[in-house]
């Protein structure tokens, strides 16, 4: 029998987000969007890259259905389709 893995939102915020296609480290979860009517997570939001001393890039929103695997300390996402990435200002 397979053991069920449960993760708290707090624990997920410490997991590194990695694109499975490129191996690129994308950062850490900044926020999560939840659909309260459907009782499910819609997307995760990552902080944008820093562009300089006083400016940051747009936050990045990754749709929940693009998450391939949640491990102990890493969250793997499939960003092969660039349309699944949304920039948030």
Protein backbone atom coordinates (compact mmCIF):
# COMPACT_ATOMS: atom_id res chain seq x y z
CA UNK A 1 0.00 0.00 0.00
CA UNK A 2 1.30 3.45 -0.94
CA UNK A 3 1.80 5.96 1.87
CA UNK A 4 -0.12 9.22 1.42
CA UNK A 5 2.07 12.35 1.38
CA UNK A 6 0.58 15.47 2.87
CA UNK A 7 2.26 18.88 2.75
CA UNK A 8 1.37 22.06 4.58
CA UNK A 9 1.47 25.37 2.71
CA UNK A 10 4.23 26.48 5.05
CA UNK A 11 6.33 23.44 4.16
CA UNK A 12 5.71 23.97 0.44
CA UNK A 13 7.03 27.54 0.69
CA UNK A 14 10.46 26.14 1.59
CA UNK A 15 10.56 23.78 -1.41
CA UNK A 16 12.64 24.82 -4.40
CA UNK A 17 10.71 24.98 -7.68
CA UNK A 18 12.49 23.35 -10.65
CA UNK A 19 11.47 23.08 -14.32
CA UNK A 20 11.77 19.41 -15.33
CA UNK A 21 12.52 20.30 -18.97
CA UNK A 22 15.52 22.57 -18.38
CA UNK A 23 16.56 21.82 -14.80
CA UNK A 24 16.33 25.56 -14.15
CA UNK A 25 15.77 26.60 -10.55
CA UNK A 26 12.82 29.00 -10.53
CA UNK A 27 12.81 29.97 -6.87
CA UNK A 28 10.35 29.46 -4.04
CA UNK A 29 6.58 29.80 -3.61
CA UNK A 30 5.59 33.33 -2.63
CA UNK A 31 1.82 32.78 -2.62
CA UNK A 32 -0.90 30.35 -3.65
CA UNK A 33 -4.18 31.05 -5.45
CA UNK A 34 -7.15 29.02 -4.25
CA UNK A 35 -10.56 28.64 -5.89
CA UNK A 36 -12.87 28.74 -2.86
CA UNK A 37 -15.90 27.60 -4.89
CA UNK A 38 -14.15 24.46 -6.13
CA UNK A 39 -11.99 23.98 -2.98
CA UNK A 40 -8.78 23.52 -4.93
CA UNK A 41 -5.46 25.21 -5.59
CA UNK A 42 -5.44 27.03 -8.94
CA UNK A 43 -1.82 28.18 -9.16
CA UNK A 44 1.37 28.97 -7.32
CA UNK A 45 3.05 32.36 -7.46
CA UNK A 46 6.81 32.78 -7.48
CA UNK A 47 8.69 36.01 -6.91
CA UNK A 48 10.12 37.51 -10.09
CA UNK A 49 13.86 37.79 -10.59
CA UNK A 50 15.63 40.86 -9.30
CA UNK A 51 16.60 43.21 -12.12
CA UNK A 52 18.79 45.54 -10.12
CA UNK A 53 19.33 47.15 -6.74
CA UNK A 54 15.88 48.70 -6.48
CA UNK A 55 13.73 46.83 -8.98
CA UNK A 56 12.25 43.37 -9.22
CA UNK A 57 10.72 41.53 -12.15
CA UNK A 58 7.07 40.59 -12.37
CA UNK A 59 5.88 37.72 -10.20
CA UNK A 60 5.39 34.43 -12.04
CA UNK A 61 2.17 32.42 -11.79
CA UNK A 62 2.34 28.70 -12.60
CA UNK A 63 -0.91 26.79 -13.02
CA UNK A 64 -1.38 23.92 -10.57
CA UNK A 65 -1.93 21.38 -13.36
CA UNK A 66 1.68 22.01 -14.48
CA UNK A 67 3.09 20.58 -11.25
CA UNK A 68 4.56 17.18 -12.08
CA UNK A 69 5.79 15.98 -8.70
CA UNK A 70 5.96 17.17 -5.11
CA UNK A 71 8.90 15.68 -3.26
CA UNK A 72 10.27 16.11 0.24
CA UNK A 73 12.14 19.34 -0.48
CA UNK A 74 11.52 20.08 -4.16
CA UNK A 75 8.53 20.79 -6.40
CA UNK A 76 8.93 19.82 -10.06
CA UNK A 77 6.98 21.76 -12.70
CA UNK A 78 6.55 21.15 -16.44
CA UNK A 79 6.86 24.49 -18.21
CA UNK A 80 7.23 23.08 -21.73
CA UNK A 81 4.17 25.06 -22.81
CA UNK A 82 5.06 28.72 -22.20
CA UNK A 83 1.33 29.59 -22.19
CA UNK A 84 1.08 28.03 -18.75
CA UNK A 85 3.22 30.76 -17.22
CA UNK A 86 1.55 34.04 -16.32
CA UNK A 87 3.30 37.24 -15.28
CA UNK A 88 1.71 39.23 -12.49
CA UNK A 89 2.56 42.88 -11.93
